[in-house]
C-alpha atoms as a PDB file:
ATOM      1  CA  MET A   1     -10.069  15.219  -6.955  1.00  0.00           C
ATOM      2  CA  HIS A   2      -9.564  11.546  -6.114  1.00  0.00           C
ATOM      3  CA  HIS A   3     -11.908  10.431  -8.888  1.00  0.00           C
ATOM      4  CA  LEU A   4      -9.841  12.325 -11.466  1.00  0.00           C
ATOM      5  CA  MET A   5      -6.581  10.935 -10.184  1.00  0.00           C
ATOM      6  CA  PHE A   6      -7.884   7.383 -10.298  1.00  0.00           C
ATOM      7  CA  ALA A   7      -9.896   7.476 -13.497  1.00  0.00           C
ATOM      8  CA  ALA A   8      -7.199   5.413 -15.227  1.00  0.00           C
ATOM      9  CA  ALA A   9      -6.251   3.432 -12.132  1.00  0.00           C
ATOM     10  CA  PRO A  10      -7.718   0.049 -13.111  1.00  0.00           C
ATOM     11  CA  ALA A  11      -5.395  -0.060 -16.137  1.00  0.00           C
ATOM     12  CA  ALA A  12      -2.453   0.757 -13.876  1.00  0.00           C
ATOM     13  CA  PHE A  13      -3.324  -2.311 -11.800  1.00  0.00           C
ATOM     14  CA  ALA A  14      -4.190  -4.584 -14.728  1.00  0.00           C
ATOM     15  CA  ARG A  15      -1.764  -7.292 -13.634  1.00  0.00           C
ATOM     16  CA  SER A  16      -3.248  -9.995 -11.422  1.00  0.00           C
ATOM     17  CA  SER A  17      -2.812  -9.018  -7.801  1.00  0.00           C
ATOM     18  CA  THR A  18      -3.905 -12.319  -6.262  1.00  0.00           C
ATOM     19  CA  GLY A  19      -0.364 -13.713  -6.408  1.00  0.00           C
ATOM     20  CA  ALA A  20       1.053 -10.566  -4.842  1.00  0.00           C
ATOM     21  CA  TYR A  21      -1.335 -10.919  -1.913  1.00  0.00           C
ATOM     22  CA  ARG A  22      -0.346 -14.497  -1.323  1.00  0.00           C
ATOM     23  CA  GLN A  23       3.350 -13.596  -1.503  1.00  0.00           C
ATOM     24  CA  ILE A  24       3.015 -11.159   1.381  1.00  0.00           C
ATOM     25  CA  GLY A  25       0.808 -13.347   3.524  1.00  0.00           C
ATOM     26  CA  ILE A  26      -2.595 -11.673   3.287  1.00  0.00           C
ATOM     27  CA  GLU A  27      -4.804 -14.724   3.041  1.00  0.00           C
ATOM     28  CA  THR A  28      -8.106 -13.795   4.693  1.00  0.00           C
ATOM     29  CA  GLY A  29     -10.680 -13.001   2.044  1.00  0.00           C
ATOM     30  CA  VAL A  30      -8.255 -13.254  -0.880  1.00  0.00           C
ATOM     31  CA  GLY A  31      -9.929 -16.249  -2.488  1.00  0.00           C
ATOM     32  CA  SER A  32     -13.298 -14.547  -2.810  1.00  0.00           C
ATOM     33  CA  ALA A  33     -12.176 -10.973  -3.491  1.00  0.00           C
ATOM     34  CA  ASP A  34     -12.107  -9.403  -6.928  1.00  0.00           C
ATOM     35  CA  PRO A  35      -8.863  -7.740  -8.113  1.00  0.00           C
ATOM     36  CA  HIS A  36     -10.125  -4.270  -7.169  1.00  0.00           C
ATOM     37  CA  ARG A  37     -10.906  -5.393  -3.623  1.00  0.00           C
ATOM     38  CA  LEU A  38      -7.491  -7.068  -3.371  1.00  0.00           C
ATOM     39  CA  VAL A  39      -5.715  -3.761  -3.980  1.00  0.00           C
ATOM     40  CA  GLY A  40      -7.974  -2.153  -1.384  1.00  0.00           C
ATOM     41  CA  MET A  41      -6.943  -4.857   1.066  1.00  0.00           C
ATOM     42  CA  LEU A  42      -3.288  -4.019   0.395  1.00  0.00           C
ATOM     43  CA  PHE A  43      -3.878  -0.352   1.179  1.00  0.00           C
ATOM     44  CA  ASP A  44      -5.711  -1.308   4.383  1.00  0.00           C
ATOM     45  CA  GLY A  45      -2.997  -3.763   5.380  1.00  0.00           C
ATOM     46  CA  CYS A  46      -0.287  -1.182   4.809  1.00  0.00           C
ATOM     47  CA  LEU A  47      -2.072   1.386   6.973  1.00  0.00           C
ATOM     48  CA  GLU A  48      -2.672  -1.217   9.671  1.00  0.00           C
ATOM     49  CA  ALA A  49       1.028  -2.167   9.683  1.00  0.00           C
ATOM     50  CA  ILE A  50       2.036   1.506   9.933  1.00  0.00           C
ATOM     51  CA  ALA A  51      -0.320   1.958  12.903  1.00  0.00           C
ATOM     52  CA  GLN A  52       1.141  -1.146  14.565  1.00  0.00           C
ATOM     53  CA  ALA A  53       4.661   0.175  13.985  1.00  0.00           C
ATOM     54  CA  ARG A  54       3.720   3.518  15.513  1.00  0.00           C
ATOM     55  CA  GLY A  55       2.277   1.819  18.603  1.00  0.00           C
ATOM     56  CA  ALA A  56       5.308  -0.429  19.002  1.00  0.00           C
ATOM     57  CA  LEU A  57       7.663   2.539  18.618  1.00  0.00           C
ATOM     58  CA  ARG A  58       5.810   4.474  21.307  1.00  0.00           C
ATOM     59  CA  GLU A  59       5.961   1.441  23.614  1.00  0.00           C
ATOM     60  CA  GLY A  60       9.672   0.977  22.942  1.00  0.00           C
ATOM     61  CA  ASP A  61       9.163  -2.484  21.435  1.00  0.00           C
ATOM     62  CA  MET A  62      11.761  -2.278  18.689  1.00  0.00           C
ATOM     63  CA  ALA A  63      11.305  -5.879  17.544  1.00  0.00           C
ATOM     64  CA  ALA A  64       7.573  -5.397  16.984  1.00  0.00           C
ATOM     65  CA  LYS A  65       8.236  -2.036  15.314  1.00  0.00           C
ATOM     66  CA  GLY A  66      10.672  -3.687  12.913  1.00  0.00           C
ATOM     67  CA  ARG A  67       8.248  -6.508  12.084  1.00  0.00           C
ATOM     68  CA  ALA A  68       5.386  -4.083  11.443  1.00  0.00           C
ATOM     69  CA  ILE A  69       7.471  -1.800   9.254  1.00  0.00           C
ATOM     70  CA  GLY A  70       8.837  -4.826   7.422  1.00  0.00           C
ATOM     71  CA  ARG A  71       5.259  -5.927   6.728  1.00  0.00           C
ATOM     72  CA  ALA A  72       4.334  -2.449   5.459  1.00  0.00           C
ATOM     73  CA  VAL A  73       7.384  -2.408   3.164  1.00  0.00           C
ATOM     74  CA  ARG A  74       6.515  -5.859   1.804  1.00  0.00           C
ATOM     75  CA  ILE A  75       2.943  -4.760   1.128  1.00  0.00           C
ATOM     76  CA  VAL A  76       4.178  -1.719  -0.777  1.00  0.00           C
ATOM     77  CA  GLU A  77       6.976  -3.484  -2.664  1.00  0.00           C
ATOM     78  CA  GLU A  78       5.601  -6.979  -3.227  1.00  0.00           C
ATOM     79  CA  GLY A  79       1.925  -6.082  -3.318  1.00  0.00           C
ATOM     80  CA  LEU A  80       1.148  -2.583  -4.541  1.00  0.00           C
ATOM     81  CA  LYS A  81       4.189  -2.146  -6.791  1.00  0.00           C
ATOM     82  CA  ALA A  82       3.979  -5.726  -8.068  1.00  0.00           C
ATOM     83  CA  ALA A  83       0.313  -5.240  -9.017  1.00  0.00           C
ATOM     84  CA  LEU A  84       1.139  -2.316 -11.308  1.00  0.00           C
ATOM     85  CA  ASP A  85       1.164  -2.917 -15.046  1.00  0.00           C
ATOM     86  CA  LEU A  86       3.759  -0.395 -16.142  1.00  0.00           C
ATOM     87  CA  ASP A  87       3.171  -1.108 -19.838  1.00  0.00           C
ATOM     88  CA  ALA A  88      -0.615  -0.733 -19.901  1.00  0.00           C
ATOM     89  CA  GLY A  89      -0.891   1.734 -17.013  1.00  0.00           C
ATOM     90  CA  GLY A  90       0.885   4.616 -18.712  1.00  0.00           C
ATOM     91  CA  ALA A  91       1.895   7.700 -16.777  1.00  0.00           C
ATOM     92  CA  LEU A  92      -0.333   6.872 -13.800  1.00  0.00           C
ATOM     93  CA  ALA A  93       1.358   3.513 -13.273  1.00  0.00           C
ATOM     94  CA  ALA A  94       4.782   5.146 -13.577  1.00  0.00           C
ATOM     95  CA  ASP A  95       3.816   7.836 -11.059  1.00  0.00           C
ATOM     96  CA  LEU A  96       2.434   5.249  -8.629  1.00  0.00           C
ATOM     97  CA  ASN A  97       5.577   3.155  -9.040  1.00  0.00           C
ATOM     98  CA  ALA A  98       7.714   6.160  -8.086  1.00  0.00           C
ATOM     99  CA  LEU A  99       5.433   7.028  -5.153  1.00  0.00           C
ATOM    100  CA  TYR A 100       5.537   3.448  -3.861  1.00  0.00           C
ATOM    101  CA  ALA A 101       9.342   3.473  -4.102  1.00  0.00           C
ATOM    102  CA  TYR A 102       9.384   6.683  -2.062  1.00  0.00           C
ATOM    103  CA  ILE A 103       7.010   5.269   0.551  1.00  0.00           C
ATOM    104  CA  GLY A 104       9.174   2.138   0.832  1.00  0.00           C
ATOM    105  CA  LEU A 105      12.261   4.303   1.318  1.00  0.00           C
ATOM    106  CA  ARG A 106      10.595   6.440   3.984  1.00  0.00           C
ATOM    107  CA  LEU A 107       9.325   3.359   5.830  1.00  0.00           C
ATOM    108  CA  THR A 108      12.856   1.957   5.844  1.00  0.00           C
ATOM    109  CA  GLN A 109      14.198   5.273   7.139  1.00  0.00           C
ATOM    110  CA  ALA A 110      11.500   5.309   9.835  1.00  0.00           C
ATOM    111  CA  ASN A 111      12.676   1.885  10.926  1.00  0.00           C
ATOM    112  CA  LEU A 112      16.344   2.857  11.006  1.00  0.00           C
ATOM    113  CA  ARG A 113      15.818   6.231  12.675  1.00  0.00           C
ATOM    114  CA  ASN A 114      12.887   5.317  14.944  1.00  0.00           C
ATOM    115  CA  GLU A 115      11.043   8.406  13.688  1.00  0.00           C
ATOM    116  CA  ASP A 116       7.316   8.584  14.216  1.00  0.00           C
ATOM    117  CA  ALA A 117       7.126  11.591  11.874  1.00  0.00           C
ATOM    118  CA  LEU A 118       8.243   9.397   8.969  1.00  0.00           C
ATOM    119  CA  LEU A 119       5.510   6.884   9.765  1.00  0.00           C
ATOM    120  CA  ASP A 120       3.049   9.788   9.772  1.00  0.00           C
ATOM    121  CA  GLU A 121       4.296  10.894   6.373  1.00  0.00           C
ATOM    122  CA  CYS A 122       3.793   7.408   4.942  1.00  0.00           C
ATOM    123  CA  GLN A 123       0.310   7.184   6.417  1.00  0.00           C
ATOM    124  CA  HIS A 124      -0.588  10.551   4.874  1.00  0.00           C
ATOM    125  CA  LEU A 125       0.681   9.358   1.490  1.00  0.00           C
ATOM    126  CA  VAL A 126      -1.224   6.048   1.559  1.00  0.00           C
ATOM    127  CA  GLU A 127      -4.559   7.277   2.937  1.00  0.00           C
ATOM    128  CA  PRO A 128      -5.577   9.358  -0.126  1.00  0.00           C
ATOM    129  CA  LEU A 129      -4.614   6.459  -2.381  1.00  0.00           C
ATOM    130  CA  ARG A 130      -6.817   4.111  -0.382  1.00  0.00           C
ATOM    131  CA  ASP A 131      -9.676   6.612  -0.336  1.00  0.00           C
ATOM    132  CA  GLY A 132      -9.405   7.251  -4.059  1.00  0.00           C
ATOM    133  CA  TRP A 133      -9.288   3.544  -4.766  1.00  0.00           C
ATOM    134  CA  ALA A 134     -12.416   3.022  -2.663  1.00  0.00           C
ATOM    135  CA  GLY A 135     -14.080   5.868  -4.565  1.00  0.00           C
ATOM    136  CA  ILE A 136     -13.632   3.968  -7.826  1.00  0.00           C
ATOM    137  CA  ALA A 137     -15.741   1.103  -6.487  1.00  0.00           C
ATOM    138  CA  ALA A 138     -18.392   3.527  -5.247  1.00  0.00           C
ATOM    139  CA  GLN A 139     -18.618   5.170  -8.679  1.00  0.00           C
ATOM    140  CA  ALA A 140     -18.864   1.818 -10.425  1.00  0.00           C
ATOM    141  CA  ALA A 141     -21.730   0.740  -8.136  1.00  0.00           C
END
């Protein structure tokens, strides 16, 4: 199913994502990565930040939780959403834009409410996107 959902994905991400990565502070490997790999790095970074937020929440470290969720929100808003080309990407880009807005909202709510279940929801929304995106590279190879 992922391959069908992402068949048009490269057009949805036609805009250069290198600048978006630099804006949110993901520097390792950016210079040598192709645009497809850069989006994959954003998905990975978002999931890593969500995991860090979950750990900090469980430990009661609210400052670390806030920083991690803030990083995840920036990745979604300034990275994934910014990389979308809404003109060339058609309905898929519009759907991803709406999904990213929802994920950003739920991450913000998780931060305000200290709700692990909301972090879980965001993780479960991002994981299939990451897996589908990785599947595109596997099909191309």
